[in-house]
Amino acid sequence: MLESGENYLETILILNEKNNGKVKSIDLAKELNFSKPSVSRAVSILKNEGYIKVESSGYLILTEAGMAKAQMIYDRHKTLTKLFSKIANVTPEVAEKDACRIEHVISNETFYGLKTFLARLEEKESDQDK
C-alpha cells in the first residue's frame, strides 16, 4: 500500500475517534486539506482494495483489514512522535512531522526495536519517580 493510502486510513481512524464513528469523504477532504475529487478517488481505491466500506448514508467504515492497517500506522505515528520528542528533544511539531514521514517506510524490525527501547526508557523513568 502506498503512503497516501496509509494516511487516509490513519485519518479515518482518528476522525472515527473524534466523531463517534461518523466520517464522510468531506471530513477527510477538510482534515487533509485535499480536493473532493482527490478524496473521492482515494476512497474508491481503498474500497476496491477492501480497506473500507461506504455505507448508503456516505459514512466510511474501516473493514477488519483497514482497521488493522490504520491502527498499525497510528501506533507507529504515536510511538515515533513520542520517541523524537523524548530522545531528540525536538519540538512537538517537528516530532509529529517527522514521525508522519517515517512511519510509512520504517521496517517492522527497527520499529519494534525502537518501541521496546522507548518502553524500557519509560519504565526506568517511572521507577525513578517512585
C-alpha atoms as a PDB file:
ATOM      1  CA  MET A   1       0.000   0.000   0.000  1.00  0.00           C
ATOM      2  CA  LEU A   2       1.195   3.478  -0.823  1.00  0.00           C
ATOM      3  CA  GLU A   3       1.906   6.112   1.806  1.00  0.00           C
ATOM      4  CA  SER A   4      -1.101   8.161   0.717  1.00  0.00           C
ATOM      5  CA  GLY A   5      -3.444   5.226   1.284  1.00  0.00           C
ATOM      6  CA  GLU A   6      -1.983   4.683   4.735  1.00  0.00           C
ATOM      7  CA  ASN A   7      -2.504   8.370   5.525  1.00  0.00           C
ATOM      8  CA  TYR A   8      -6.153   8.120   4.522  1.00  0.00           C
ATOM      9  CA  LEU A   9      -6.707   5.041   6.702  1.00  0.00           C
ATOM     10  CA  GLU A  10      -4.961   6.661   9.661  1.00  0.00           C
ATOM     11  CA  THR A  11      -7.031   9.824   9.229  1.00  0.00           C
ATOM     12  CA  ILE A  12     -10.274   7.839   9.035  1.00  0.00           C
ATOM     13  CA  LEU A  13      -9.306   6.096  12.284  1.00  0.00           C
ATOM     14  CA  ILE A  14      -8.524   9.403  14.028  1.00  0.00           C
ATOM     15  CA  LEU A  15     -11.720  11.048  12.764  1.00  0.00           C
ATOM     16  CA  ASN A  16     -13.731   7.992  13.826  1.00  0.00           C
ATOM     17  CA  GLU A  17     -12.484   8.520  17.367  1.00  0.00           C
ATOM     18  CA  LYS A  18     -13.281  12.249  17.257  1.00  0.00           C
ATOM     19  CA  ASN A  19     -16.684  11.899  15.562  1.00  0.00           C
ATOM     20  CA  ASN A  20     -18.069   8.723  17.168  1.00  0.00           C
ATOM     21  CA  GLY A  21     -17.606   6.671  14.005  1.00  0.00           C
ATOM     22  CA  LYS A  22     -19.230   9.227  11.730  1.00  0.00           C
ATOM     23  CA  VAL A  23     -16.770  10.016   8.946  1.00  0.00           C
ATOM     24  CA  LYS A  24     -17.613  11.039   5.410  1.00  0.00           C
ATOM     25  CA  SER A  25     -15.389  11.862   2.463  1.00  0.00           C
ATOM     26  CA  ILE A  26     -15.935  15.577   3.033  1.00  0.00           C
ATOM     27  CA  ASP A  27     -14.482  15.182   6.547  1.00  0.00           C
ATOM     28  CA  LEU A  28     -11.351  13.640   5.030  1.00  0.00           C
ATOM     29  CA  ALA A  29     -11.074  16.433   2.490  1.00  0.00           C
ATOM     30  CA  LYS A  30     -11.270  19.059   5.226  1.00  0.00           C
ATOM     31  CA  GLU A  31      -8.871  17.274   7.590  1.00  0.00           C
ATOM     32  CA  LEU A  32      -6.245  16.572   4.939  1.00  0.00           C
ATOM     33  CA  ASN A  33      -6.843  19.791   3.008  1.00  0.00           C
ATOM     34  CA  PHE A  34      -7.356  17.840  -0.214  1.00  0.00           C
ATOM     35  CA  SER A  35      -9.850  18.409  -3.006  1.00  0.00           C
ATOM     36  CA  LYS A  36     -13.095  16.447  -3.029  1.00  0.00           C
ATOM     37  CA  PRO A  37     -12.159  14.698  -6.321  1.00  0.00           C
ATOM     38  CA  SER A  38      -8.812  13.567  -4.865  1.00  0.00           C
ATOM     39  CA  VAL A  39     -10.511  12.161  -1.786  1.00  0.00           C
ATOM     40  CA  SER A  40     -13.202  10.517  -3.880  1.00  0.00           C
ATOM     41  CA  ARG A  41     -10.573   8.742  -5.956  1.00  0.00           C
ATOM     42  CA  ALA A  42      -8.669   7.590  -2.866  1.00  0.00           C
ATOM     43  CA  VAL A  43     -11.865   6.362  -1.192  1.00  0.00           C
ATOM     44  CA  SER A  44     -12.702   4.393  -4.326  1.00  0.00           C
ATOM     45  CA  ILE A  45      -9.252   2.765  -4.336  1.00  0.00           C
ATOM     46  CA  LEU A  46      -9.421   1.915  -0.625  1.00  0.00           C
ATOM     47  CA  LYS A  47     -12.896   0.468  -1.114  1.00  0.00           C
ATOM     48  CA  ASN A  48     -11.766  -1.666  -4.076  1.00  0.00           C
ATOM     49  CA  GLU A  49      -8.770  -2.906  -2.058  1.00  0.00           C
ATOM     50  CA  GLY A  50     -11.063  -3.972   0.784  1.00  0.00           C
ATOM     51  CA  TYR A  51      -9.874  -1.481   3.411  1.00  0.00           C
ATOM     52  CA  ILE A  52     -13.117   0.471   3.755  1.00  0.00           C
ATOM     53  CA  LYS A  53     -16.826   0.188   3.103  1.00  0.00           C
ATOM     54  CA  VAL A  54     -19.013   3.117   2.151  1.00  0.00           C
ATOM     55  CA  GLU A  55     -22.477   2.978   3.652  1.00  0.00           C
ATOM     56  CA  SER A  56     -25.504   4.178   1.730  1.00  0.00           C
ATOM     57  CA  SER A  57     -25.507   7.204   4.068  1.00  0.00           C
ATOM     58  CA  GLY A  58     -21.995   8.051   2.854  1.00  0.00           C
ATOM     59  CA  TYR A  59     -20.208   7.113   6.063  1.00  0.00           C
ATOM     60  CA  LEU A  60     -16.813   5.465   5.685  1.00  0.00           C
ATOM     61  CA  ILE A  61     -16.310   2.295   7.688  1.00  0.00           C
ATOM     62  CA  LEU A  62     -12.943   0.625   8.129  1.00  0.00           C
ATOM     63  CA  THR A  63     -13.019  -3.090   7.367  1.00  0.00           C
ATOM     64  CA  GLU A  64     -11.120  -5.501   9.599  1.00  0.00           C
ATOM     65  CA  ALA A  65      -8.107  -5.213   7.277  1.00  0.00           C
ATOM     66  CA  GLY A  66      -8.473  -1.427   7.128  1.00  0.00           C
ATOM     67  CA  MET A  67      -8.712  -1.140  10.900  1.00  0.00           C
ATOM     68  CA  ALA A  68      -5.623  -3.312  11.390  1.00  0.00           C
ATOM     69  CA  LYS A  69      -3.600  -1.249   8.899  1.00  0.00           C
ATOM     70  CA  ALA A  70      -4.835   2.068  10.328  1.00  0.00           C
ATOM     71  CA  GLN A  71      -4.044   1.027  13.903  1.00  0.00           C
ATOM     72  CA  MET A  72      -0.571  -0.147  12.885  1.00  0.00           C
ATOM     73  CA  ILE A  73       0.218   3.173  11.195  1.00  0.00           C
ATOM     74  CA  TYR A  74      -1.263   5.205  14.050  1.00  0.00           C
ATOM     75  CA  ASP A  75       0.754   3.217  16.600  1.00  0.00           C
ATOM     76  CA  ARG A  76       3.902   3.939  14.621  1.00  0.00           C
ATOM     77  CA  HIS A  77       2.960   7.614  14.430  1.00  0.00           C
ATOM     78  CA  LYS A  78       2.348   7.984  18.174  1.00  0.00           C
ATOM     79  CA  THR A  79       5.419   5.954  19.148  1.00  0.00           C
ATOM     80  CA  LEU A  80       7.796   7.758  16.796  1.00  0.00           C
ATOM     81  CA  THR A  81       6.428  11.166  17.795  1.00  0.00           C
ATOM     82  CA  LYS A  82       6.988  10.369  21.460  1.00  0.00           C
ATOM     83  CA  LEU A  83      10.447   8.960  20.768  1.00  0.00           C
ATOM     84  CA  PHE A  84      11.569  12.011  18.799  1.00  0.00           C
ATOM     85  CA  SER A  85      10.255  14.370  21.484  1.00  0.00           C
ATOM     86  CA  LYS A  86      11.919  12.482  24.331  1.00  0.00           C
ATOM     87  CA  ILE A  87      15.181  11.356  22.780  1.00  0.00           C
ATOM     88  CA  ALA A  88      15.924  14.003  20.157  1.00  0.00           C
ATOM     89  CA  ASN A  89      14.317  16.742  22.261  1.00  0.00           C
ATOM     90  CA  VAL A  90      12.697  18.329  19.214  1.00  0.00           C
ATOM     91  CA  THR A  91       9.547  20.427  19.288  1.00  0.00           C
ATOM     92  CA  PRO A  92       6.251  18.551  19.190  1.00  0.00           C
ATOM     93  CA  GLU A  93       5.595  19.996  15.721  1.00  0.00           C
ATOM     94  CA  VAL A  94       8.886  18.675  14.314  1.00  0.00           C
ATOM     95  CA  ALA A  95       8.433  15.308  16.049  1.00  0.00           C
ATOM     96  CA  GLU A  96       4.940  14.991  14.590  1.00  0.00           C
ATOM     97  CA  LYS A  97       6.006  15.966  11.075  1.00  0.00           C
ATOM     98  CA  ASP A  98       8.999  13.618  11.025  1.00  0.00           C
ATOM     99  CA  ALA A  99       7.020  10.738  12.513  1.00  0.00           C
ATOM    100  CA  CYS A 100       4.396  11.178   9.804  1.00  0.00           C
ATOM    101  CA  ARG A 101       7.040  10.716   7.126  1.00  0.00           C
ATOM    102  CA  ILE A 102       8.986   7.892   8.731  1.00  0.00           C
ATOM    103  CA  GLU A 103       6.003   5.794   9.857  1.00  0.00           C
ATOM    104  CA  HIS A 104       5.475   4.628   6.287  1.00  0.00           C
ATOM    105  CA  VAL A 105       8.998   3.465   5.468  1.00  0.00           C
ATOM    106  CA  ILE A 106      10.486   2.139   8.697  1.00  0.00           C
ATOM    107  CA  SER A 107      10.925  -1.632   8.836  1.00  0.00           C
ATOM    108  CA  ASN A 108       8.953  -3.676  11.358  1.00  0.00           C
ATOM    109  CA  GLU A 109      12.199  -4.839  12.947  1.00  0.00           C
ATOM    110  CA  THR A 110      13.510  -1.320  13.507  1.00  0.00           C
ATOM    111  CA  PHE A 111      10.136  -0.018  14.663  1.00  0.00           C
ATOM    112  CA  TYR A 112       9.678  -2.750  17.252  1.00  0.00           C
ATOM    113  CA  GLY A 113      13.259  -2.224  18.436  1.00  0.00           C
ATOM    114  CA  LEU A 114      12.552   1.487  18.923  1.00  0.00           C
ATOM    115  CA  LYS A 115       9.216   0.756  20.581  1.00  0.00           C
ATOM    116  CA  THR A 116      10.902  -1.652  23.008  1.00  0.00           C
ATOM    117  CA  PHE A 117      13.624   0.919  23.731  1.00  0.00           C
ATOM    118  CA  LEU A 118      11.003   3.585  24.444  1.00  0.00           C
ATOM    119  CA  ALA A 119       9.039   1.244  26.728  1.00  0.00           C
ATOM    120  CA  ARG A 120      12.200   0.438  28.712  1.00  0.00           C
ATOM    121  CA  LEU A 121      13.044   4.128  28.972  1.00  0.00           C
ATOM    122  CA  GLU A 122       9.560   4.976  30.218  1.00  0.00           C
ATOM    123  CA  GLU A 123       9.704   2.077  32.697  1.00  0.00           C
ATOM    124  CA  LYS A 124      13.039   3.334  34.028  1.00  0.00           C
ATOM    125  CA  GLU A 125      11.630   6.884  34.328  1.00  0.00           C
ATOM    126  CA  SER A 126       8.585   5.527  36.152  1.00  0.00           C
ATOM    127  CA  ASP A 127      10.783   3.608  38.603  1.00  0.00           C
ATOM    128  CA  GLN A 128      12.798   6.768  39.282  1.00  0.00           C
ATOM    129  CA  ASP A 129       9.619   8.716  40.046  1.00  0.00           C
ATOM    130  CA  LYS A 130       8.669   6.278  42.815  1.00  0.00           C
END
